[in-house]
C-alpha atoms as a PDB file:
ATOM      1  CA  UNK A   1       0.000   0.000   0.000  1.00  0.00           C
ATOM      2  CA  UNK A   2       2.815   2.426   0.861  1.00  0.00           C
ATOM      3  CA  UNK A   3       4.418   1.769  -2.517  1.00  0.00           C
ATOM      4  CA  UNK A   4       1.204   2.734  -4.309  1.00  0.00           C
ATOM      5  CA  UNK A   5       0.900   5.956  -2.297  1.00  0.00           C
ATOM      6  CA  UNK A   6       4.563   6.838  -2.981  1.00  0.00           C
ATOM      7  CA  UNK A   7       4.151   6.190  -6.712  1.00  0.00           C
ATOM      8  CA  UNK A   8       0.978   8.300  -6.787  1.00  0.00           C
ATOM      9  CA  UNK A   9       2.690  11.147  -4.945  1.00  0.00           C
ATOM     10  CA  UNK A  10       5.725  11.005  -7.228  1.00  0.00           C
ATOM     11  CA  UNK A  11       3.536  10.976 -10.334  1.00  0.00           C
ATOM     12  CA  UNK A  12       1.528  13.935  -9.026  1.00  0.00           C
ATOM     13  CA  UNK A  13       4.728  15.817  -8.263  1.00  0.00           C
ATOM     14  CA  UNK A  14       6.086  15.151 -11.741  1.00  0.00           C
ATOM     15  CA  UNK A  15       2.902  16.443 -13.328  1.00  0.00           C
ATOM     16  CA  UNK A  16       3.045  19.613 -11.214  1.00  0.00           C
ATOM     17  CA  UNK A  17       6.690  20.194 -12.082  1.00  0.00           C
ATOM     18  CA  UNK A  18       6.008  19.880 -15.808  1.00  0.00           C
ATOM     19  CA  UNK A  19       3.193  22.423 -15.536  1.00  0.00           C
ATOM     20  CA  UNK A  20       5.426  24.828 -13.627  1.00  0.00           C
ATOM     21  CA  UNK A  21       8.180  24.506 -16.220  1.00  0.00           C
ATOM     22  CA  UNK A  22       5.918  26.070 -18.848  1.00  0.00           C
ATOM     23  CA  UNK A  23       6.822  29.447 -17.363  1.00  0.00           C
ATOM     24  CA  UNK A  24       9.839  30.250 -15.197  1.00  0.00           C
ATOM     25  CA  UNK A  25      10.231  33.525 -13.334  1.00  0.00           C
ATOM     26  CA  UNK A  26      13.433  34.984 -11.913  1.00  0.00           C
ATOM     27  CA  UNK A  27      13.569  38.265 -10.001  1.00  0.00           C
ATOM     28  CA  UNK A  28      16.777  39.902  -8.866  1.00  0.00           C
ATOM     29  CA  UNK A  29      17.479  40.972  -6.199  1.00  0.00           C
ATOM     30  CA  UNK A  30      15.085  39.128  -3.906  1.00  0.00           C
ATOM     31  CA  UNK A  31      15.840  41.706  -1.170  1.00  0.00           C
ATOM     32  CA  UNK A  32      16.945  45.297  -1.740  1.00  0.00           C
ATOM     33  CA  UNK A  33      16.684  48.839  -0.407  1.00  0.00           C
ATOM     34  CA  UNK A  34      14.228  51.430  -1.735  1.00  0.00           C
ATOM     35  CA  UNK A  35      14.143  52.871  -4.253  1.00  0.00           C
ATOM     36  CA  UNK A  36      15.037  49.601  -5.966  1.00  0.00           C
ATOM     37  CA  UNK A  37      15.429  48.366  -9.498  1.00  0.00           C
ATOM     38  CA  UNK A  38      14.051  44.858  -9.835  1.00  0.00           C
ATOM     39  CA  UNK A  39      15.194  42.847 -12.824  1.00  0.00           C
ATOM     40  CA  UNK A  40      12.572  40.365 -13.994  1.00  0.00           C
ATOM     41  CA  UNK A  41      13.323  37.522 -16.423  1.00  0.00           C
ATOM     42  CA  UNK A  42      10.538  35.258 -17.662  1.00  0.00           C
ATOM     43  CA  UNK A  43      11.147  32.148 -19.737  1.00  0.00           C
ATOM     44  CA  UNK A  44       8.110  30.722 -21.518  1.00  0.00           C
ATOM     45  CA  UNK A  45       7.968  27.236 -23.008  1.00  0.00           C
ATOM     46  CA  UNK A  46       7.117  27.719 -26.673  1.00  0.00           C
ATOM     47  CA  UNK A  47       3.670  26.458 -27.608  1.00  0.00           C
ATOM     48  CA  UNK A  48       1.276  27.114 -30.482  1.00  0.00           C
ATOM     49  CA  UNK A  49      -1.376  27.864 -27.826  1.00  0.00           C
ATOM     50  CA  UNK A  50       0.473  30.806 -26.180  1.00  0.00           C
ATOM     51  CA  UNK A  51      -1.210  34.155 -26.831  1.00  0.00           C
ATOM     52  CA  UNK A  52      -0.307  36.517 -23.969  1.00  0.00           C
ATOM     53  CA  UNK A  53       2.169  36.929 -21.136  1.00  0.00           C
ATOM     54  CA  UNK A  54       1.249  39.169 -18.200  1.00  0.00           C
ATOM     55  CA  UNK A  55       3.886  40.220 -15.673  1.00  0.00           C
ATOM     56  CA  UNK A  56       2.590  41.798 -12.440  1.00  0.00           C
ATOM     57  CA  UNK A  57       4.332  43.426  -9.472  1.00  0.00           C
ATOM     58  CA  UNK A  58       1.878  43.881  -6.622  1.00  0.00           C
ATOM     59  CA  UNK A  59       2.314  45.293  -3.105  1.00  0.00           C
ATOM     60  CA  UNK A  60       0.159  47.240  -0.668  1.00  0.00           C
ATOM     61  CA  UNK A  61       1.107  50.656  -2.135  1.00  0.00           C
ATOM     62  CA  UNK A  62       2.372  49.701  -5.598  1.00  0.00           C
ATOM     63  CA  UNK A  63       1.006  47.939  -8.653  1.00  0.00           C
ATOM     64  CA  UNK A  64       2.446  47.514 -12.115  1.00  0.00           C
ATOM     65  CA  UNK A  65       1.267  45.225 -14.883  1.00  0.00           C
ATOM     66  CA  UNK A  66       2.725  44.619 -18.334  1.00  0.00           C
ATOM     67  CA  UNK A  67       1.086  42.480 -21.007  1.00  0.00           C
ATOM     68  CA  UNK A  68       3.033  41.093 -23.943  1.00  0.00           C
ATOM     69  CA  UNK A  69       1.307  39.556 -26.974  1.00  0.00           C
ATOM     70  CA  UNK A  70       2.642  36.123 -27.912  1.00  0.00           C
ATOM     71  CA  UNK A  71       2.527  34.602 -31.373  1.00  0.00           C
ATOM     72  CA  UNK A  72       2.361  30.968 -30.347  1.00  0.00           C
ATOM     73  CA  UNK A  73       5.550  28.983 -30.837  1.00  0.00           C
ATOM     74  CA  UNK A  74       7.027  31.764 -33.029  1.00  0.00           C
ATOM     75  CA  UNK A  75       7.422  34.015 -29.969  1.00  0.00           C
ATOM     76  CA  UNK A  76      10.740  34.501 -28.176  1.00  0.00           C
ATOM     77  CA  UNK A  77      11.285  32.195 -25.223  1.00  0.00           C
ATOM     78  CA  UNK A  78      12.717  34.820 -22.833  1.00  0.00           C
ATOM     79  CA  UNK A  79      11.415  38.228 -21.800  1.00  0.00           C
ATOM     80  CA  UNK A  80      13.066  40.904 -19.642  1.00  0.00           C
ATOM     81  CA  UNK A  81      11.503  43.719 -17.621  1.00  0.00           C
ATOM     82  CA  UNK A  82      13.188  46.272 -15.341  1.00  0.00           C
ATOM     83  CA  UNK A  83      11.021  47.729 -12.588  1.00  0.00           C
ATOM     84  CA  UNK A  84      12.682  51.020 -11.614  1.00  0.00           C
ATOM     85  CA  UNK A  85      12.281  53.183  -8.501  1.00  0.00           C
ATOM     86  CA  UNK A  86      10.288  50.524  -6.677  1.00  0.00           C
ATOM     87  CA  UNK A  87       9.298  51.748  -3.192  1.00  0.00           C
ATOM     88  CA  UNK A  88       9.585  49.714   0.003  1.00  0.00           C
ATOM     89  CA  UNK A  89       7.169  46.851   0.486  1.00  0.00           C
ATOM     90  CA  UNK A  90       6.494  43.142   0.313  1.00  0.00           C
ATOM     91  CA  UNK A  91       5.943  42.298  -3.351  1.00  0.00           C
ATOM     92  CA  UNK A  92       4.387  39.418  -5.199  1.00  0.00           C
ATOM     93  CA  UNK A  93       5.795  39.210  -8.709  1.00  0.00           C
ATOM     94  CA  UNK A  94       3.880  36.940 -11.078  1.00  0.00           C
ATOM     95  CA  UNK A  95       4.052  35.814 -14.682  1.00  0.00           C
ATOM     96  CA  UNK A  96       0.952  34.351 -16.315  1.00  0.00           C
ATOM     97  CA  UNK A  97       0.736  32.813 -19.801  1.00  0.00           C
ATOM     98  CA  UNK A  98      -2.707  32.766 -21.432  1.00  0.00           C
ATOM     99  CA  UNK A  99      -3.836  30.457 -24.208  1.00  0.00           C
ATOM    100  CA  UNK A 100      -6.015  31.033 -27.297  1.00  0.00           C
ATOM    101  CA  UNK A 101      -9.206  31.042 -25.230  1.00  0.00           C
ATOM    102  CA  UNK A 102      -7.854  33.543 -22.727  1.00  0.00           C
ATOM    103  CA  UNK A 103      -7.455  30.977 -19.952  1.00  0.00           C
ATOM    104  CA  UNK A 104      -4.399  30.867 -17.697  1.00  0.00           C
ATOM    105  CA  UNK A 105      -2.152  28.145 -19.136  1.00  0.00           C
ATOM    106  CA  UNK A 106       0.803  28.570 -16.774  1.00  0.00           C
ATOM    107  CA  UNK A 107       1.801  30.715 -13.810  1.00  0.00           C
ATOM    108  CA  UNK A 108       4.884  31.429 -11.706  1.00  0.00           C
ATOM    109  CA  UNK A 109       5.149  33.628  -8.593  1.00  0.00           C
ATOM    110  CA  UNK A 110       7.975  35.068  -6.499  1.00  0.00           C
ATOM    111  CA  UNK A 111       8.015  37.005  -3.234  1.00  0.00           C
ATOM    112  CA  UNK A 112      10.386  40.003  -3.091  1.00  0.00           C
ATOM    113  CA  UNK A 113      11.161  42.408  -0.250  1.00  0.00           C
ATOM    114  CA  UNK A 114      12.157  46.028  -0.800  1.00  0.00           C
ATOM    115  CA  UNK A 115      13.255  47.666   2.460  1.00  0.00           C
ATOM    116  CA  UNK A 116      12.155  51.258   2.936  1.00  0.00           C
ATOM    117  CA  UNK A 117      14.528  54.033   4.047  1.00  0.00           C
ATOM    118  CA  UNK A 118      13.297  53.525   7.617  1.00  0.00           C
ATOM    119  CA  UNK A 119      14.657  49.975   7.516  1.00  0.00           C
ATOM    120  CA  UNK A 120      11.363  48.079   7.158  1.00  0.00           C
ATOM    121  CA  UNK A 121       9.097  47.219   4.229  1.00  0.00           C
ATOM    122  CA  UNK A 122       6.157  49.620   4.098  1.00  0.00           C
END
């Protein structure tokens, strides 16, 4: 019985990993001082279904969203975005790939901290 449960868990983990690999998100630095420049790199697995990539930086007092049109598997695989003069706060950076029907096909998220001048995130 344990073997069956282990195999099921491993198979489920493998499926989840493959889904996550459809979009990879890197943000640098993960911690910085305000005002910060955050460098965002998104790698998207090429697919004929890909139609849009949305990159979002969201915190209590800051929001920025950029949408990039994708031309299926003819689109570049890597995208770069610099977020400049980012104020202090706890940020959630996300990258979402949408398919032909507008549904979310893949998503990646990162948590980033920008420390305010007072020494704490806002």
